[in-house]
Amino acid sequence: MLSSFDPRPGEDVATFASDHDAFNADLRAAGITAGAGPLGRRVNDTPMEAEEAHTQTCFSVMQFHDCARPDAAYAHIDPRACPGTSSHLRMYRRLTNTVFLCREDVSHEKETQ
């Protein structure tokens, strides 16, 4: 899943990054994600950046074990669930202008079946 977003104005980057890591650790510990990349920043001063519709400055990428896991992750962050809710809320409350995109890797084996 590719998450694109802007931190809220005045957000402390070090605290934000720490909470990002804690949230991803919660999901890995719960067996929901296979991994996650570090917090990233958009590079828009290069001709390779052709996206003009979305202006988000930060991104994060999570990998899931299979297609059912994103639904499990969503249930894990439900306000009535624990322990995922607290770390998710610490993250989500710091975001604005969010876009969440779910994609699936396409393997050669799937293409030929």
N, C-alpha and C. Protein backbone atom coordinates (compact mmCIF):
# COMPACT_ATOMS: atom_id res chain seq x y z
N MET A 1 0.85 -1.16 0.00
CA MET A 1 0.00 0.00 0.00
C MET A 1 0.90 1.23 0.00
N LEU A 2 0.61 2.14 -0.90
CA LEU A 2 1.32 3.40 -0.96
C LEU A 2 0.46 4.46 -0.28
N SER A 3 0.98 5.06 0.75
CA SER A 3 0.29 6.14 1.45
C SER A 3 1.02 7.44 1.13
N SER A 4 0.30 8.40 0.57
CA SER A 4 0.85 9.72 0.30
C SER A 4 0.12 10.71 1.19
N PHE A 5 0.86 11.67 1.74
CA PHE A 5 0.25 12.57 2.71
C PHE A 5 1.15 13.76 2.97
N ASP A 6 0.60 14.72 3.69
CA ASP A 6 1.37 15.84 4.22
C ASP A 6 1.29 15.77 5.74
N PRO A 7 2.39 15.99 6.44
CA PRO A 7 2.30 16.14 7.89
C PRO A 7 1.56 17.44 8.20
N ARG A 8 0.83 17.44 9.29
CA ARG A 8 0.15 18.68 9.70
C ARG A 8 1.19 19.77 9.97
N PRO A 9 0.82 21.02 9.75
CA PRO A 9 1.76 22.12 10.01
C PRO A 9 2.29 22.07 11.45
N GLY A 10 3.59 22.31 11.58
CA GLY A 10 4.23 22.31 12.88
C GLY A 10 4.59 20.94 13.42
N GLU A 11 4.33 19.89 12.64
CA GLU A 11 4.63 18.52 13.09
C GLU A 11 6.14 18.33 13.23
N ASP A 12 6.55 17.79 14.35
CA ASP A 12 7.96 17.47 14.58
C ASP A 12 8.31 16.20 13.81
N VAL A 13 9.25 16.31 12.89
CA VAL A 13 9.58 15.20 12.01
C VAL A 13 10.12 14.00 12.79
N ALA A 14 10.94 14.22 13.81
CA ALA A 14 11.52 13.11 14.58
C ALA A 14 10.41 12.34 15.32
N THR A 15 9.47 13.04 15.93
CA THR A 15 8.36 12.38 16.62
C THR A 15 7.50 11.64 15.63
N PHE A 16 7.23 12.28 14.51
CA PHE A 16 6.43 11.67 13.46
C PHE A 16 7.07 10.37 12.97
N ALA A 17 8.34 10.42 12.68
CA ALA A 17 9.05 9.23 12.20
C ALA A 17 9.05 8.12 13.25
N SER A 18 9.20 8.47 14.52
CA SER A 18 9.17 7.48 15.60
C SER A 18 7.80 6.80 15.68
N ASP A 19 6.74 7.59 15.60
CA ASP A 19 5.39 7.01 15.63
C ASP A 19 5.11 6.18 14.38
N HIS A 20 5.64 6.59 13.25
CA HIS A 20 5.53 5.82 12.01
C HIS A 20 6.17 4.44 12.20
N ASP A 21 7.36 4.42 12.77
CA ASP A 21 8.05 3.15 13.03
C ASP A 21 7.27 2.28 14.01
N ALA A 22 6.71 2.89 15.07
CA ALA A 22 5.94 2.14 16.08
C ALA A 22 4.69 1.53 15.46
N PHE A 23 4.01 2.28 14.63
CA PHE A 23 2.81 1.77 13.96
C PHE A 23 3.15 0.58 13.07
N ASN A 24 4.21 0.72 12.28
CA ASN A 24 4.62 -0.40 11.42
C ASN A 24 5.07 -1.61 12.23
N ALA A 25 5.73 -1.39 13.36
CA ALA A 25 6.12 -2.50 14.23
C ALA A 25 4.89 -3.21 14.80
N ASP A 26 3.86 -2.45 15.18
CA ASP A 26 2.61 -3.07 15.67
C ASP A 26 2.00 -3.98 14.62
N LEU A 27 1.94 -3.50 13.38
CA LEU A 27 1.35 -4.30 12.31
C LEU A 27 2.18 -5.54 12.01
N ARG A 28 3.50 -5.41 12.04
CA ARG A 28 4.37 -6.58 11.81
C ARG A 28 4.21 -7.59 12.95
N ALA A 29 4.18 -7.10 14.20
CA ALA A 29 4.03 -7.98 15.36
C ALA A 29 2.70 -8.72 15.34
N ALA A 30 1.68 -8.09 14.80
CA ALA A 30 0.36 -8.72 14.70
C ALA A 30 0.28 -9.67 13.51
N GLY A 31 1.35 -9.75 12.72
CA GLY A 31 1.37 -10.65 11.57
C GLY A 31 0.57 -10.13 10.39
N ILE A 32 0.27 -8.84 10.38
CA ILE A 32 -0.56 -8.28 9.33
C ILE A 32 0.27 -7.84 8.13
N THR A 33 1.41 -7.23 8.38
CA THR A 33 2.24 -6.77 7.26
C THR A 33 3.50 -7.63 7.15
N ALA A 34 4.03 -7.66 5.94
CA ALA A 34 5.30 -8.35 5.71
C ALA A 34 6.46 -7.39 5.91
N GLY A 35 6.17 -6.11 5.87
CA GLY A 35 7.21 -5.11 6.07
C GLY A 35 6.74 -3.74 5.66
N ALA A 36 7.59 -2.78 5.87
CA ALA A 36 7.28 -1.40 5.50
C ALA A 36 8.58 -0.66 5.26
N GLY A 37 8.55 0.23 4.32
CA GLY A 37 9.71 1.06 4.06
C GLY A 37 9.77 2.22 5.02
N PRO A 38 10.88 2.92 5.02
CA PRO A 38 11.00 4.10 5.89
C PRO A 38 10.12 5.23 5.37
N LEU A 39 9.87 6.18 6.21
CA LEU A 39 9.16 7.38 5.81
C LEU A 39 9.94 8.05 4.70
N GLY A 40 9.25 8.45 3.64
CA GLY A 40 9.93 9.07 2.50
C GLY A 40 9.39 10.45 2.21
N ARG A 41 10.19 11.22 1.50
CA ARG A 41 9.79 12.57 1.08
C ARG A 41 9.77 12.62 -0.45
N ARG A 42 8.82 13.34 -0.97
CA ARG A 42 8.67 13.50 -2.41
C ARG A 42 9.83 14.32 -2.98
N VAL A 43 10.27 13.93 -4.15
CA VAL A 43 11.29 14.68 -4.89
C VAL A 43 10.58 15.20 -6.13
N ASN A 44 10.26 16.49 -6.13
CA ASN A 44 9.50 17.01 -7.26
C ASN A 44 10.28 18.00 -8.12
N ASP A 45 11.57 18.08 -7.92
CA ASP A 45 12.39 18.99 -8.72
C ASP A 45 13.23 18.23 -9.74
N THR A 46 12.63 17.21 -10.32
CA THR A 46 13.29 16.40 -11.34
C THR A 46 12.29 16.14 -12.47
N PRO A 47 12.76 16.03 -13.71
CA PRO A 47 11.85 15.73 -14.81
C PRO A 47 11.20 14.36 -14.69
N MET A 48 11.76 13.47 -13.87
CA MET A 48 11.16 12.15 -13.68
C MET A 48 9.84 12.23 -12.91
N GLU A 49 9.65 13.28 -12.15
CA GLU A 49 8.41 13.47 -11.39
C GLU A 49 7.37 14.07 -12.32
N ALA A 50 6.43 13.26 -12.76
CA ALA A 50 5.43 13.71 -13.73
C ALA A 50 4.04 13.88 -13.11
N GLU A 51 3.89 13.56 -11.86
CA GLU A 51 2.59 13.65 -11.18
C GLU A 51 2.32 15.08 -10.75
N GLU A 52 1.26 15.67 -11.27
CA GLU A 52 0.91 17.04 -10.91
C GLU A 52 -0.38 17.12 -10.11
N ALA A 53 -1.21 16.09 -10.18
CA ALA A 53 -2.52 16.13 -9.52
C ALA A 53 -2.41 15.99 -8.00
N HIS A 54 -1.45 15.21 -7.55
CA HIS A 54 -1.28 14.99 -6.12
C HIS A 54 -0.05 15.75 -5.64
N THR A 55 -0.22 16.53 -4.61
CA THR A 55 0.86 17.41 -4.16
C THR A 55 1.47 16.98 -2.83
N GLN A 56 1.11 15.80 -2.33
CA GLN A 56 1.61 15.35 -1.03
C GLN A 56 3.14 15.35 -1.01
N THR A 57 3.68 15.68 0.16
CA THR A 57 5.13 15.80 0.30
C THR A 57 5.80 14.56 0.88
N CYS A 58 5.03 13.68 1.51
CA CYS A 58 5.61 12.48 2.14
C CYS A 58 4.90 11.22 1.66
N PHE A 59 5.57 10.08 1.86
CA PHE A 59 4.96 8.81 1.50
C PHE A 59 5.50 7.70 2.38
N SER A 60 4.76 6.60 2.38
CA SER A 60 5.16 5.38 3.08
C SER A 60 4.64 4.21 2.27
N VAL A 61 5.40 3.11 2.26
CA VAL A 61 4.99 1.92 1.53
C VAL A 61 4.96 0.74 2.50
N MET A 62 3.84 0.03 2.53
CA MET A 62 3.70 -1.20 3.34
C MET A 62 3.54 -2.38 2.40
N GLN A 63 4.14 -3.50 2.78
CA GLN A 63 3.96 -4.74 2.03
C GLN A 63 3.13 -5.70 2.88
N PHE A 64 2.15 -6.33 2.25
CA PHE A 64 1.30 -7.31 2.92
C PHE A 64 1.65 -8.70 2.43
N HIS A 65 1.37 -9.70 3.26
CA HIS A 65 1.65 -11.09 2.90
C HIS A 65 0.78 -11.56 1.74
N ASP A 66 -0.46 -11.10 1.69
CA ASP A 66 -1.41 -11.50 0.66
C ASP A 66 -2.52 -10.47 0.58
N CYS A 67 -3.43 -10.65 -0.34
CA CYS A 67 -4.49 -9.65 -0.56
C CYS A 67 -5.48 -9.56 0.59
N ALA A 68 -5.59 -10.57 1.42
CA ALA A 68 -6.53 -10.53 2.55
C ALA A 68 -5.98 -9.66 3.69
N ARG A 69 -4.70 -9.46 3.75
CA ARG A 69 -4.11 -8.74 4.88
C ARG A 69 -4.46 -7.26 4.96
N PRO A 70 -4.64 -6.54 3.85
CA PRO A 70 -5.06 -5.15 4.02
C PRO A 70 -6.38 -5.02 4.76
N ASP A 71 -7.31 -5.96 4.52
CA ASP A 71 -8.58 -5.93 5.26
C ASP A 71 -8.34 -6.22 6.73
N ALA A 72 -7.42 -7.12 7.04
CA ALA A 72 -7.07 -7.40 8.44
C ALA A 72 -6.43 -6.17 9.08
N ALA A 73 -5.62 -5.47 8.32
CA ALA A 73 -4.99 -4.25 8.84
C ALA A 73 -6.05 -3.20 9.14
N TYR A 74 -7.03 -3.09 8.28
CA TYR A 74 -8.11 -2.12 8.51
C TYR A 74 -8.88 -2.47 9.78
N ALA A 75 -9.16 -3.75 9.98
CA ALA A 75 -9.84 -4.18 11.21
C ALA A 75 -8.97 -3.90 12.43
N HIS A 76 -7.66 -4.05 12.28
CA HIS A 76 -6.71 -3.84 13.38
C HIS A 76 -6.70 -2.39 13.85
N ILE A 77 -6.99 -1.43 12.96
CA ILE A 77 -6.99 -0.03 13.34
C ILE A 77 -8.38 0.48 13.71
N ASP A 78 -9.37 -0.40 13.73
CA ASP A 78 -10.72 -0.01 14.12
C ASP A 78 -10.68 0.62 15.52
N PRO A 79 -11.41 1.71 15.74
CA PRO A 79 -11.37 2.39 17.04
C PRO A 79 -11.69 1.50 18.24
N ARG A 80 -12.38 0.39 18.02
CA ARG A 80 -12.71 -0.50 19.13
C ARG A 80 -11.65 -1.57 19.36
N ALA A 81 -10.63 -1.61 18.50
CA ALA A 81 -9.61 -2.65 18.59
C ALA A 81 -8.37 -2.16 19.33
N CYS A 82 -7.65 -3.08 19.91
CA CYS A 82 -6.36 -2.79 20.56
C CYS A 82 -5.41 -3.92 20.20
N PRO A 83 -4.14 -3.74 20.11
CA PRO A 83 -3.36 -2.55 20.44
C PRO A 83 -3.17 -1.59 19.28
N GLY A 84 -3.66 -1.94 18.10
CA GLY A 84 -3.34 -1.14 16.92
C GLY A 84 -3.88 0.27 16.92
N THR A 85 -4.97 0.50 17.62
CA THR A 85 -5.62 1.79 17.54
C THR A 85 -4.74 2.93 18.02
N SER A 86 -4.09 2.78 19.15
CA SER A 86 -3.34 3.91 19.70
C SER A 86 -2.21 4.35 18.79
N SER A 87 -1.45 3.42 18.25
CA SER A 87 -0.35 3.83 17.37
C SER A 87 -0.90 4.37 16.04
N HIS A 88 -2.00 3.82 15.56
CA HIS A 88 -2.60 4.33 14.33
C HIS A 88 -3.10 5.75 14.53
N LEU A 89 -3.78 6.01 15.63
CA LEU A 89 -4.28 7.36 15.89
C LEU A 89 -3.15 8.36 16.05
N ARG A 90 -2.05 7.94 16.69
CA ARG A 90 -0.89 8.82 16.80
C ARG A 90 -0.37 9.21 15.42
N MET A 91 -0.44 8.29 14.48
CA MET A 91 -0.02 8.58 13.11
C MET A 91 -1.07 9.41 12.38
N TYR A 92 -2.28 8.91 12.34
CA TYR A 92 -3.31 9.50 11.49
C TYR A 92 -3.63 10.94 11.88
N ARG A 93 -3.61 11.24 13.16
CA ARG A 93 -3.89 12.60 13.61
C ARG A 93 -2.82 13.60 13.17
N ARG A 94 -1.69 13.10 12.73
CA ARG A 94 -0.61 13.97 12.27
C ARG A 94 -0.60 14.16 10.76
N LEU A 95 -1.59 13.60 10.08
CA LEU A 95 -1.63 13.64 8.62
C LEU A 95 -2.73 14.55 8.10
N THR A 96 -2.49 15.07 6.93
CA THR A 96 -3.51 15.79 6.18
C THR A 96 -3.28 15.50 4.70
N ASN A 97 -4.28 15.76 3.88
CA ASN A 97 -4.16 15.57 2.44
C ASN A 97 -3.73 14.14 2.11
N THR A 98 -4.44 13.16 2.67
CA THR A 98 -4.05 11.75 2.54
C THR A 98 -4.63 11.09 1.29
N VAL A 99 -3.83 10.19 0.73
CA VAL A 99 -4.24 9.32 -0.37
C VAL A 99 -3.64 7.95 -0.07
N PHE A 100 -4.48 6.91 -0.06
CA PHE A 100 -4.03 5.55 0.20
C PHE A 100 -4.33 4.70 -1.03
N LEU A 101 -3.29 4.10 -1.61
CA LEU A 101 -3.43 3.29 -2.81
C LEU A 101 -2.98 1.86 -2.52
N CYS A 102 -3.83 0.91 -2.82
CA CYS A 102 -3.46 -0.51 -2.66
C CYS A 102 -3.17 -1.09 -4.04
N ARG A 103 -2.03 -1.74 -4.13
CA ARG A 103 -1.59 -2.37 -5.38
C ARG A 103 -1.10 -3.77 -5.06
N GLU A 104 -1.08 -4.62 -6.06
CA GLU A 104 -0.60 -5.98 -5.90
C GLU A 104 0.53 -6.25 -6.88
N ASP A 105 1.59 -6.89 -6.40
CA ASP A 105 2.67 -7.30 -7.30
C ASP A 105 2.11 -8.32 -8.29
N VAL A 106 2.55 -8.25 -9.51
CA VAL A 106 2.16 -9.19 -10.53
C VAL A 106 3.37 -10.04 -10.84
N SER A 107 3.26 -11.33 -10.57
CA SER A 107 4.37 -12.22 -10.87
C SER A 107 4.17 -12.84 -12.25
N HIS A 108 5.25 -13.31 -12.81
CA HIS A 108 5.20 -13.98 -14.11
C HIS A 108 4.28 -15.19 -14.03
N GLU A 109 4.30 -15.90 -12.92
CA GLU A 109 3.47 -17.10 -12.77
C GLU A 109 2.00 -16.75 -12.86
N LYS A 110 1.58 -15.65 -12.26
CA LYS A 110 0.17 -15.25 -12.33
C LYS A 110 -0.22 -14.84 -13.74
N GLU A 111 0.71 -14.21 -14.47
CA GLU A 111 0.41 -13.74 -15.81
C GLU A 111 0.17 -14.89 -16.78
N THR A 112 0.81 -16.03 -16.56
CA THR A 112 0.71 -17.15 -17.50
C THR A 112 -0.40 -18.12 -17.13
N GLN A 113 -1.08 -17.91 -16.05
CA GLN A 113 -2.15 -18.85 -15.67
C GLN A 113 -3.48 -18.42 -16.22
